[in-house]
C-alpha atoms as a PDB file:
ATOM      1  CA  MET A   1       0.114  -0.239  -0.082  1.00  0.00           C
ATOM      2  CA  THR A   2       2.971   2.126  -0.440  1.00  0.00           C
ATOM      3  CA  GLY A   3       2.252   5.385  -2.020  1.00  0.00           C
ATOM      4  CA  ARG A   4      -1.451   4.947  -1.792  1.00  0.00           C
ATOM      5  CA  THR A   5      -3.382   7.682   0.525  1.00  0.00           C
ATOM      6  CA  ARG A   6      -4.310   6.615   3.775  1.00  0.00           C
ATOM      7  CA  LEU A   7      -7.022   7.396   6.152  1.00  0.00           C
ATOM      8  CA  ALA A   8      -8.685   5.771   8.913  1.00  0.00           C
ATOM      9  CA  VAL A   9     -10.953   5.941  12.401  1.00  0.00           C
ATOM     10  CA  TRP A  10      -9.652   5.469  15.633  1.00  0.00           C
ATOM     11  CA  GLY A  11     -11.282   4.699  18.820  1.00  0.00           C
ATOM     12  CA  ASP A  12     -12.102   1.836  21.711  1.00  0.00           C
ATOM     13  CA  PRO A  13     -14.355   0.263  20.527  1.00  0.00           C
ATOM     14  CA  ILE A  14     -14.222   0.561  16.570  1.00  0.00           C
ATOM     15  CA  GLY A  15     -15.643  -2.309  15.244  1.00  0.00           C
ATOM     16  CA  HIS A  16     -19.061  -1.020  15.163  1.00  0.00           C
ATOM     17  CA  SER A  17     -18.214   2.402  12.808  1.00  0.00           C
ATOM     18  CA  ARG A  18     -19.959   2.673   9.645  1.00  0.00           C
ATOM     19  CA  SER A  19     -17.272   5.403   8.988  1.00  0.00           C
ATOM     20  CA  PRO A  20     -15.148   3.028   6.382  1.00  0.00           C
ATOM     21  CA  ALA A  21     -18.306   2.462   4.761  1.00  0.00           C
ATOM     22  CA  LEU A  22     -19.315   6.482   4.106  1.00  0.00           C
ATOM     23  CA  HIS A  23     -15.922   7.256   3.632  1.00  0.00           C
ATOM     24  CA  GLY A  24     -15.131   4.189   1.256  1.00  0.00           C
ATOM     25  CA  ALA A  25     -18.141   5.168  -0.741  1.00  0.00           C
ATOM     26  CA  ALA A  26     -17.626   8.990  -1.471  1.00  0.00           C
ATOM     27  CA  TYR A  27     -13.609   8.623  -2.558  1.00  0.00           C
ATOM     28  CA  ARG A  28     -14.792   5.757  -5.100  1.00  0.00           C
ATOM     29  CA  ARG A  29     -17.460   8.147  -6.439  1.00  0.00           C
ATOM     30  CA  MET A  30     -14.848  10.812  -6.537  1.00  0.00           C
ATOM     31  CA  GLY A  31     -12.241   8.544  -8.308  1.00  0.00           C
ATOM     32  CA  LEU A  32      -9.550   8.882  -5.558  1.00  0.00           C
ATOM     33  CA  ASP A  33      -7.456   5.985  -4.738  1.00  0.00           C
ATOM     34  CA  TRP A  34      -7.424   6.720  -0.866  1.00  0.00           C
ATOM     35  CA  HIS A  35      -7.912   3.662   1.262  1.00  0.00           C
ATOM     36  CA  TYR A  36      -9.917   4.165   4.793  1.00  0.00           C
ATOM     37  CA  GLY A  37      -9.568   1.649   7.190  1.00  0.00           C
ATOM     38  CA  ARG A  38     -10.386   1.614  11.217  1.00  0.00           C
ATOM     39  CA  ARG A  39      -8.042   0.774  13.854  1.00  0.00           C
ATOM     40  CA  GLN A  40      -8.968   0.060  17.630  1.00  0.00           C
ATOM     41  CA  VAL A  41      -6.867   2.877  19.698  1.00  0.00           C
ATOM     42  CA  ASP A  42      -7.095   3.827  23.270  1.00  0.00           C
ATOM     43  CA  VAL A  43      -5.933   6.989  24.977  1.00  0.00           C
ATOM     44  CA  ALA A  44      -2.743   5.424  26.636  1.00  0.00           C
ATOM     45  CA  GLY A  45      -1.741   4.003  22.845  1.00  0.00           C
ATOM     46  CA  PHE A  46      -2.942   7.027  21.100  1.00  0.00           C
ATOM     47  CA  THR A  47       0.716   9.047  21.117  1.00  0.00           C
ATOM     48  CA  ALA A  48       2.547   6.084  20.053  1.00  0.00           C
ATOM     49  CA  ALA A  49       0.254   5.074  17.398  1.00  0.00           C
ATOM     50  CA  LEU A  50       0.113   8.909  15.992  1.00  0.00           C
ATOM     51  CA  ASP A  51       3.867   9.031  15.981  1.00  0.00           C
ATOM     52  CA  GLY A  52       3.862   5.916  14.005  1.00  0.00           C
ATOM     53  CA  LEU A  53       2.356   7.203  11.110  1.00  0.00           C
ATOM     54  CA  ASP A  54       4.288   7.821   7.589  1.00  0.00           C
ATOM     55  CA  ASP A  55       3.870  10.609   5.022  1.00  0.00           C
ATOM     56  CA  THR A  56       1.365   8.712   3.329  1.00  0.00           C
ATOM     57  CA  TRP A  57      -1.417   9.334   5.936  1.00  0.00           C
ATOM     58  CA  ARG A  58      -3.604  12.208   5.155  1.00  0.00           C
ATOM     59  CA  GLY A  59      -5.986  12.182   8.161  1.00  0.00           C
ATOM     60  CA  LEU A  60      -7.640  10.759  10.771  1.00  0.00           C
ATOM     61  CA  SER A  61     -11.451  10.640  12.234  1.00  0.00           C
ATOM     62  CA  LEU A  62     -11.567  10.253  16.385  1.00  0.00           C
ATOM     63  CA  THR A  63     -14.076   8.811  18.300  1.00  0.00           C
ATOM     64  CA  MET A  64     -14.650   8.180  21.434  1.00  0.00           C
ATOM     65  CA  PRO A  65     -12.350   7.889  24.007  1.00  0.00           C
ATOM     66  CA  LEU A  66     -10.260   9.731  21.915  1.00  0.00           C
ATOM     67  CA  LYS A  67     -11.418  13.412  21.377  1.00  0.00           C
ATOM     68  CA  ALA A  68      -9.771  15.307  24.021  1.00  0.00           C
ATOM     69  CA  VAL A  69      -6.351  13.841  23.864  1.00  0.00           C
ATOM     70  CA  ALA A  70      -6.376  14.671  20.034  1.00  0.00           C
ATOM     71  CA  LEU A  71      -7.183  17.996  21.028  1.00  0.00           C
ATOM     72  CA  SER A  72      -3.836  18.096  23.030  1.00  0.00           C
ATOM     73  CA  ALA A  73      -1.777  16.775  20.083  1.00  0.00           C
ATOM     74  CA  SER A  74      -3.200  19.314  17.628  1.00  0.00           C
ATOM     75  CA  ASP A  75      -0.705  22.291  16.837  1.00  0.00           C
ATOM     76  CA  ASP A  76      -3.892  24.187  15.988  1.00  0.00           C
ATOM     77  CA  ALA A  77      -7.771  23.643  16.548  1.00  0.00           C
ATOM     78  CA  ASP A  78     -10.654  25.245  15.106  1.00  0.00           C
ATOM     79  CA  GLU A  79     -13.130  27.381  16.997  1.00  0.00           C
ATOM     80  CA  HIS A  80     -15.696  24.367  17.202  1.00  0.00           C
ATOM     81  CA  ALA A  81     -12.827  22.167  18.650  1.00  0.00           C
ATOM     82  CA  ARG A  82     -11.740  24.850  21.325  1.00  0.00           C
ATOM     83  CA  LEU A  83     -14.999  25.262  22.342  1.00  0.00           C
ATOM     84  CA  THR A  84     -16.453  21.751  23.387  1.00  0.00           C
ATOM     85  CA  GLY A  85     -12.921  20.626  24.345  1.00  0.00           C
ATOM     86  CA  ALA A  86     -12.821  17.916  21.350  1.00  0.00           C
ATOM     87  CA  VAL A  87     -11.215  17.204  18.115  1.00  0.00           C
ATOM     88  CA  ASN A  88     -12.981  14.536  16.179  1.00  0.00           C
ATOM     89  CA  THR A  89     -10.951  15.342  12.845  1.00  0.00           C
ATOM     90  CA  LEU A  90      -6.779  15.366  12.304  1.00  0.00           C
ATOM     91  CA  LEU A  91      -5.765  16.720   9.079  1.00  0.00           C
ATOM     92  CA  LEU A  92      -1.868  15.357   8.994  1.00  0.00           C
ATOM     93  CA  GLY A  93       1.226  17.374   7.688  1.00  0.00           C
ATOM     94  CA  GLU A  94       3.607  19.301   8.334  1.00  0.00           C
ATOM     95  CA  THR A  95       1.344  20.568  11.415  1.00  0.00           C
ATOM     96  CA  LEU A  96      -1.454  18.718  13.268  1.00  0.00           C
ATOM     97  CA  ARG A  97      -5.120  20.419  12.408  1.00  0.00           C
ATOM     98  CA  GLY A  98      -7.638  19.577  14.514  1.00  0.00           C
ATOM     99  CA  PHE A  99     -11.326  20.179  14.040  1.00  0.00           C
ATOM    100  CA  ASN A 100     -14.691  19.074  15.852  1.00  0.00           C
ATOM    101  CA  THR A 101     -17.613  18.240  12.871  1.00  0.00           C
ATOM    102  CA  ASP A 102     -19.628  17.078  15.261  1.00  0.00           C
ATOM    103  CA  VAL A 103     -21.320  20.089  15.946  1.00  0.00           C
ATOM    104  CA  GLY A 104     -21.607  21.028  12.280  1.00  0.00           C
ATOM    105  CA  GLY A 105     -23.050  17.787  11.463  1.00  0.00           C
ATOM    106  CA  ILE A 106     -25.773  18.368  13.816  1.00  0.00           C
ATOM    107  CA  VAL A 107     -26.576  21.778  12.575  1.00  0.00           C
ATOM    108  CA  ASP A 108     -27.070  20.145   8.846  1.00  0.00           C
ATOM    109  CA  ALA A 109     -28.683  17.070  10.457  1.00  0.00           C
ATOM    110  CA  PHE A 110     -31.671  20.196  11.262  1.00  0.00           C
ATOM    111  CA  THR A 111     -31.333  22.252   8.441  1.00  0.00           C
ATOM    112  CA  ASN A 112     -31.635  19.069   5.937  1.00  0.00           C
ATOM    113  CA  ALA A 113     -34.715  18.084   8.033  1.00  0.00           C
ATOM    114  CA  GLY A 114     -36.189  21.697   7.694  1.00  0.00           C
ATOM    115  CA  VAL A 115     -35.953  22.647  11.188  1.00  0.00           C
ATOM    116  CA  THR A 116     -34.212  26.397  11.790  1.00  0.00           C
ATOM    117  CA  GLY A 117     -35.138  29.148  13.637  1.00  0.00           C
ATOM    118  CA  ILE A 118     -34.363  27.084  16.996  1.00  0.00           C
ATOM    119  CA  ARG A 119     -35.122  29.532  20.333  1.00  0.00           C
ATOM    120  CA  SER A 120     -35.186  27.106  23.422  1.00  0.00           C
ATOM    121  CA  ALA A 121     -33.828  23.967  23.444  1.00  0.00           C
ATOM    122  CA  ARG A 122     -32.961  20.755  26.025  1.00  0.00           C
ATOM    123  CA  ILE A 123     -30.328  18.277  25.905  1.00  0.00           C
ATOM    124  CA  LEU A 124     -30.330  15.336  27.796  1.00  0.00           C
ATOM    125  CA  GLY A 125     -27.015  14.543  28.633  1.00  0.00           C
ATOM    126  CA  ALA A 126     -23.779  16.660  29.478  1.00  0.00           C
ATOM    127  CA  GLY A 127     -20.922  14.942  27.969  1.00  0.00           C
ATOM    128  CA  ALA A 128     -19.130  15.494  24.636  1.00  0.00           C
ATOM    129  CA  THR A 129     -21.639  15.229  22.183  1.00  0.00           C
ATOM    130  CA  ALA A 130     -23.470  17.501  24.572  1.00  0.00           C
ATOM    131  CA  ALA A 131     -21.006  20.114  24.151  1.00  0.00           C
ATOM    132  CA  SER A 132     -21.390  19.919  20.574  1.00  0.00           C
ATOM    133  CA  ALA A 133     -25.008  20.110  20.803  1.00  0.00           C
ATOM    134  CA  LEU A 134     -25.260  23.247  22.890  1.00  0.00           C
ATOM    135  CA  VAL A 135     -22.542  24.883  20.203  1.00  0.00           C
ATOM    136  CA  ALA A 136     -25.119  23.732  17.494  1.00  0.00           C
ATOM    137  CA  LEU A 137     -28.064  24.981  18.999  1.00  0.00           C
ATOM    138  CA  GLY A 138     -26.621  28.157  19.496  1.00  0.00           C
ATOM    139  CA  GLU A 139     -25.672  28.287  15.750  1.00  0.00           C
ATOM    140  CA  LEU A 140     -29.461  27.484  15.344  1.00  0.00           C
ATOM    141  CA  GLY A 141     -30.395  30.627  17.161  1.00  0.00           C
ATOM    142  CA  ALA A 142     -30.969  29.016  20.539  1.00  0.00           C
ATOM    143  CA  THR A 143     -30.926  31.837  23.538  1.00  0.00           C
ATOM    144  CA  SER A 144     -32.166  29.269  26.161  1.00  0.00           C
ATOM    145  CA  VAL A 145     -30.794  25.504  26.863  1.00  0.00           C
ATOM    146  CA  GLU A 146     -31.969  23.248  29.643  1.00  0.00           C
ATOM    147  CA  VAL A 147     -29.421  20.968  30.133  1.00  0.00           C
ATOM    148  CA  ARG A 148     -30.732  17.656  32.169  1.00  0.00           C
ATOM    149  CA  ALA A 149     -27.765  15.064  33.732  1.00  0.00           C
ATOM    150  CA  ARG A 150     -27.939  12.418  36.026  1.00  0.00           C
ATOM    151  CA  ARG A 151     -25.464  14.433  38.132  1.00  0.00           C
ATOM    152  CA  PRO A 152     -26.375  18.197  37.721  1.00  0.00           C
ATOM    153  CA  GLU A 153     -22.644  18.941  39.334  1.00  0.00           C
ATOM    154  CA  THR A 154     -21.121  17.412  36.053  1.00  0.00           C
ATOM    155  CA  ALA A 155     -22.513  19.675  33.855  1.00  0.00           C
ATOM    156  CA  GLY A 156     -20.068  22.857  34.613  1.00  0.00           C
ATOM    157  CA  ARG A 157     -18.473  22.435  31.648  1.00  0.00           C
ATOM    158  CA  MET A 158     -22.080  23.408  29.714  1.00  0.00           C
ATOM    159  CA  SER A 159     -22.570  26.130  31.764  1.00  0.00           C
ATOM    160  CA  ALA A 160     -19.247  27.993  30.710  1.00  0.00           C
ATOM    161  CA  ILE A 161     -19.616  27.225  26.760  1.00  0.00           C
ATOM    162  CA  GLY A 162     -23.061  28.588  27.452  1.00  0.00           C
ATOM    163  CA  GLU A 163     -21.388  31.902  28.647  1.00  0.00           C
ATOM    164  CA  GLN A 164     -19.024  32.126  25.587  1.00  0.00           C
ATOM    165  CA  LEU A 165     -22.153  31.628  23.374  1.00  0.00           C
ATOM    166  CA  GLY A 166     -24.201  33.955  25.194  1.00  0.00           C
ATOM    167  CA  VAL A 167     -27.203  30.984  25.362  1.00  0.00           C
ATOM    168  CA  ALA A 168     -28.979  31.079  28.895  1.00  0.00           C
ATOM    169  CA  ILE A 169     -27.873  27.403  30.572  1.00  0.00           C
ATOM    170  CA  THR A 170     -30.286  25.955  33.188  1.00  0.00           C
ATOM    171  CA  VAL A 171     -28.881  22.623  34.588  1.00  0.00           C
ATOM    172  CA  LEU A 172     -31.623  20.510  36.386  1.00  0.00           C
ATOM    173  CA  PRO A 173     -31.747  16.653  37.062  1.00  0.00           C
ATOM    174  CA  PHE A 174     -34.002  14.112  34.972  1.00  0.00           C
ATOM    175  CA  ASP A 175     -36.930  14.252  36.831  1.00  0.00           C
ATOM    176  CA  ALA A 176     -37.526  17.774  37.141  1.00  0.00           C
ATOM    177  CA  ALA A 177     -41.135  19.266  35.462  1.00  0.00           C
ATOM    178  CA  ALA A 178     -40.934  20.011  31.660  1.00  0.00           C
ATOM    179  CA  ASP A 179     -41.591  23.090  30.090  1.00  0.00           C
ATOM    180  CA  ALA A 180     -42.185  22.806  26.593  1.00  0.00           C
ATOM    181  CA  VAL A 181     -39.108  23.818  24.102  1.00  0.00           C
ATOM    182  CA  ASP A 182     -38.729  23.965  20.313  1.00  0.00           C
ATOM    183  CA  ALA A 183     -35.909  21.000  20.281  1.00  0.00           C
ATOM    184  CA  THR A 184     -34.596  18.036  22.338  1.00  0.00           C
ATOM    185  CA  VAL A 185     -31.393  16.775  21.559  1.00  0.00           C
ATOM    186  CA  ALA A 186     -30.830  13.660  23.501  1.00  0.00           C
ATOM    187  CA  THR A 187     -27.253  12.797  23.774  1.00  0.00           C
ATOM    188  CA  LEU A 188     -27.614   9.628  26.310  1.00  0.00           C
ATOM    189  CA  PRO A 189     -25.754   6.406  25.597  1.00  0.00           C
ATOM    190  CA  SER A 190     -27.440   3.806  22.712  1.00  0.00           C
ATOM    191  CA  GLY A 191     -29.656   1.481  24.659  1.00  0.00           C
ATOM    192  CA  THR A 192     -30.794   4.034  27.454  1.00  0.00           C
ATOM    193  CA  VAL A 193     -34.659   3.327  28.791  1.00  0.00           C
ATOM    194  CA  LEU A 194     -35.621   6.272  30.823  1.00  0.00           C
ATOM    195  CA  ASP A 195     -38.396   5.700  33.623  1.00  0.00           C
ATOM    196  CA  ALA A 196     -41.826   6.177  32.084  1.00  0.00           C
ATOM    197  CA  SER A 197     -42.951   8.877  33.725  1.00  0.00           C
ATOM    198  CA  ILE A 198     -39.743  10.900  33.012  1.00  0.00           C
ATOM    199  CA  ALA A 199     -39.767  10.073  29.296  1.00  0.00           C
ATOM    200  CA  GLY A 200     -43.520  10.693  28.975  1.00  0.00           C
ATOM    201  CA  ALA A 201     -43.081  13.960  30.481  1.00  0.00           C
ATOM    202  CA  LEU A 202     -40.220  15.006  28.118  1.00  0.00           C
ATOM    203  CA  ALA A 203     -41.750  13.624  24.907  1.00  0.00           C
ATOM    204  CA  ASN A 204     -44.923  15.548  25.636  1.00  0.00           C
ATOM    205  CA  ALA A 205     -43.113  18.891  25.772  1.00  0.00           C
ATOM    206  CA  GLY A 206     -39.998  18.590  23.718  1.00  0.00           C
ATOM    207  CA  GLY A 207     -40.760  19.717  20.182  1.00  0.00           C
ATOM    208  CA  VAL A 208     -38.716  18.286  17.490  1.00  0.00           C
ATOM    209  CA  LEU A 209     -36.275  15.481  19.018  1.00  0.00           C
ATOM    210  CA  PHE A 210     -33.003  14.711  17.971  1.00  0.00           C
ATOM    211  CA  GLU A 211     -31.797  11.565  19.009  1.00  0.00           C
ATOM    212  CA  ALA A 212     -27.904  10.656  18.941  1.00  0.00           C
ATOM    213  CA  ALA A 213     -28.235   7.239  18.954  1.00  0.00           C
ATOM    214  CA  TYR A 214     -29.029   5.564  16.070  1.00  0.00           C
ATOM    215  CA  ALA A 215     -28.834   1.903  16.684  1.00  0.00           C
ATOM    216  CA  PRO A 216     -31.016   0.144  17.538  1.00  0.00           C
ATOM    217  CA  TRP A 217     -33.681   2.302  15.964  1.00  0.00           C
ATOM    218  CA  PRO A 218     -36.008   3.641  16.939  1.00  0.00           C
ATOM    219  CA  SER A 219     -34.446   4.231  20.579  1.00  0.00           C
ATOM    220  CA  ALA A 220     -36.851   4.001  23.490  1.00  0.00           C
ATOM    221  CA  LEU A 221     -37.381   7.892  23.886  1.00  0.00           C
ATOM    222  CA  ALA A 222     -37.521   8.313  19.783  1.00  0.00           C
ATOM    223  CA  ALA A 223     -40.498   5.291  19.880  1.00  0.00           C
ATOM    224  CA  GLN A 224     -42.625   7.530  21.801  1.00  0.00           C
ATOM    225  CA  TRP A 225     -42.051  10.724  21.006  1.00  0.00           C
ATOM    226  CA  ARG A 226     -45.131  13.192  20.621  1.00  0.00           C
ATOM    227  CA  ASP A 227     -43.797  15.589  17.975  1.00  0.00           C
ATOM    228  CA  PRO A 228     -43.956  13.549  14.748  1.00  0.00           C
ATOM    229  CA  ARG A 229     -40.322  15.304  13.694  1.00  0.00           C
ATOM    230  CA  VAL A 230     -37.699  12.938  14.973  1.00  0.00           C
ATOM    231  CA  ILE A 231     -34.285  13.084  13.606  1.00  0.00           C
ATOM    232  CA  SER A 232     -32.082  10.061  13.919  1.00  0.00           C
ATOM    233  CA  GLY A 233     -27.960  10.284  15.047  1.00  0.00           C
ATOM    234  CA  PHE A 234     -27.355   8.859  11.642  1.00  0.00           C
ATOM    235  CA  GLU A 235     -27.950  12.237  10.331  1.00  0.00           C
ATOM    236  CA  MET A 236     -25.121  13.788  12.787  1.00  0.00           C
ATOM    237  CA  LEU A 237     -22.978  10.427  11.250  1.00  0.00           C
ATOM    238  CA  LEU A 238     -23.471  11.183   7.636  1.00  0.00           C
ATOM    239  CA  TYR A 239     -23.185  14.698   7.845  1.00  0.00           C
ATOM    240  CA  GLN A 240     -20.082  15.303  10.113  1.00  0.00           C
ATOM    241  CA  ALA A 241     -18.376  12.703   7.698  1.00  0.00           C
ATOM    242  CA  VAL A 242     -19.142  15.033   4.801  1.00  0.00           C
ATOM    243  CA  ARG A 243     -17.347  17.396   6.726  1.00  0.00           C
ATOM    244  CA  GLN A 244     -14.300  15.306   7.430  1.00  0.00           C
ATOM    245  CA  ILE A 245     -13.929  14.827   3.584  1.00  0.00           C
ATOM    246  CA  ARG A 246     -14.266  18.738   2.783  1.00  0.00           C
ATOM    247  CA  ILE A 247     -11.180  19.018   5.456  1.00  0.00           C
ATOM    248  CA  PHE A 248      -9.407  15.863   3.979  1.00  0.00           C
ATOM    249  CA  LEU A 249      -9.618  17.397   0.249  1.00  0.00           C
ATOM    250  CA  HIS A 250      -9.633  20.916   1.022  1.00  0.00           C
ATOM    251  CA  GLY A 251      -8.523  21.552   4.551  1.00  0.00           C
ATOM    252  CA  ASP A 252     -11.636  23.471   4.992  1.00  0.00           C
ATOM    253  CA  GLN A 253     -15.003  21.821   6.287  1.00  0.00           C
ATOM    254  CA  ASN A 254     -17.052  24.709   4.797  1.00  0.00           C
ATOM    255  CA  HIS A 255     -15.922  23.834   1.350  1.00  0.00           C
ATOM    256  CA  ARG A 256     -18.801  22.144  -0.512  1.00  0.00           C
ATOM    257  CA  LEU A 257     -17.741  19.130  -2.672  1.00  0.00           C
ATOM    258  CA  ASP A 258     -17.989  18.689  -6.292  1.00  0.00           C
ATOM    259  CA  ASP A 259     -21.810  17.095  -6.960  1.00  0.00           C
ATOM    260  CA  GLU A 260     -21.934  16.753  -3.065  1.00  0.00           C
ATOM    261  CA  ASP A 261     -25.881  16.214  -3.354  1.00  0.00           C
ATOM    262  CA  VAL A 262     -24.893  12.723  -5.309  1.00  0.00           C
ATOM    263  CA  ILE A 263     -21.849  12.143  -2.943  1.00  0.00           C
ATOM    264  CA  VAL A 264     -24.230  12.217   0.362  1.00  0.00           C
ATOM    265  CA  ALA A 265     -27.146   9.942  -1.436  1.00  0.00           C
ATOM    266  CA  ILE A 266     -24.180   7.282  -2.174  1.00  0.00           C
ATOM    267  CA  MET A 267     -22.701   7.676   1.121  1.00  0.00           C
ATOM    268  CA  ARG A 268     -26.537   7.235   2.771  1.00  0.00           C
ATOM    269  CA  ALA A 269     -26.580   3.740   0.496  1.00  0.00           C
ATOM    270  CA  ALA A 270     -23.479   2.400   1.629  1.00  0.00           C
ATOM    271  CA  ALA A 271     -24.020   2.601   5.363  1.00  0.00           C
ATOM    272  CA  MET A 272     -27.360   1.467   4.899  1.00  0.00           C
ATOM    273  CA  GLU A 273     -26.070  -1.533   3.175  1.00  0.00           C
ATOM    274  CA  ASP A 274     -22.964  -1.938   5.823  1.00  0.00           C
END
């Protein structure tokens, strides 16, 4: 494989990742001889694995638990990465450039579903995906966001991000009364089942639902959601991958690909077949 441009997704675990199918389909459509693989890498092994790459490597996609250590390794990081404390994309070269495409992927998932002009929102969870969701909601126009966490004392970073964005943050436990909001972003682990009374209250007053989990689908929460507008986390996976491809080609996640609509359709079909 010497001389062939190489890319991969790293994480732990990684066997479930659909990224190779998404990226591979795009590069074939564009006629690029680029190989995109996967590798199980944990935090302890990240630096050695990164140091072991030669100049045939163009970039990496990073999933959990590597997003924070990838930020630390970056010589330069984009605004979304700095705000969230997470890098999910590394562009390799003389310098390491770090990006967060999850934020843009969430924005794209909402806008491509016809959802814009969000003013109030609720986020379930307070981890890395929740941080990206908060920045995305700010870009979609949210001025107030309620964060629900199992341990509200762990949501300090969300309040700090909200202060930087000019978004009012309220942190509540899951069983607090639920006021109506325009949108809900659920960032809980796949397979999470909330207490029926809590899930029911959230479903009745949650507006459009973006459910970051997508396998199995529908999630327990999505299955009982009252608003018919429910967006699967697969849409974020798809559109953040499109942004990664833009970076690997152009060094800019906002630089659209030629025939991008066709490429997105091909990527979607490839992932469904994977």
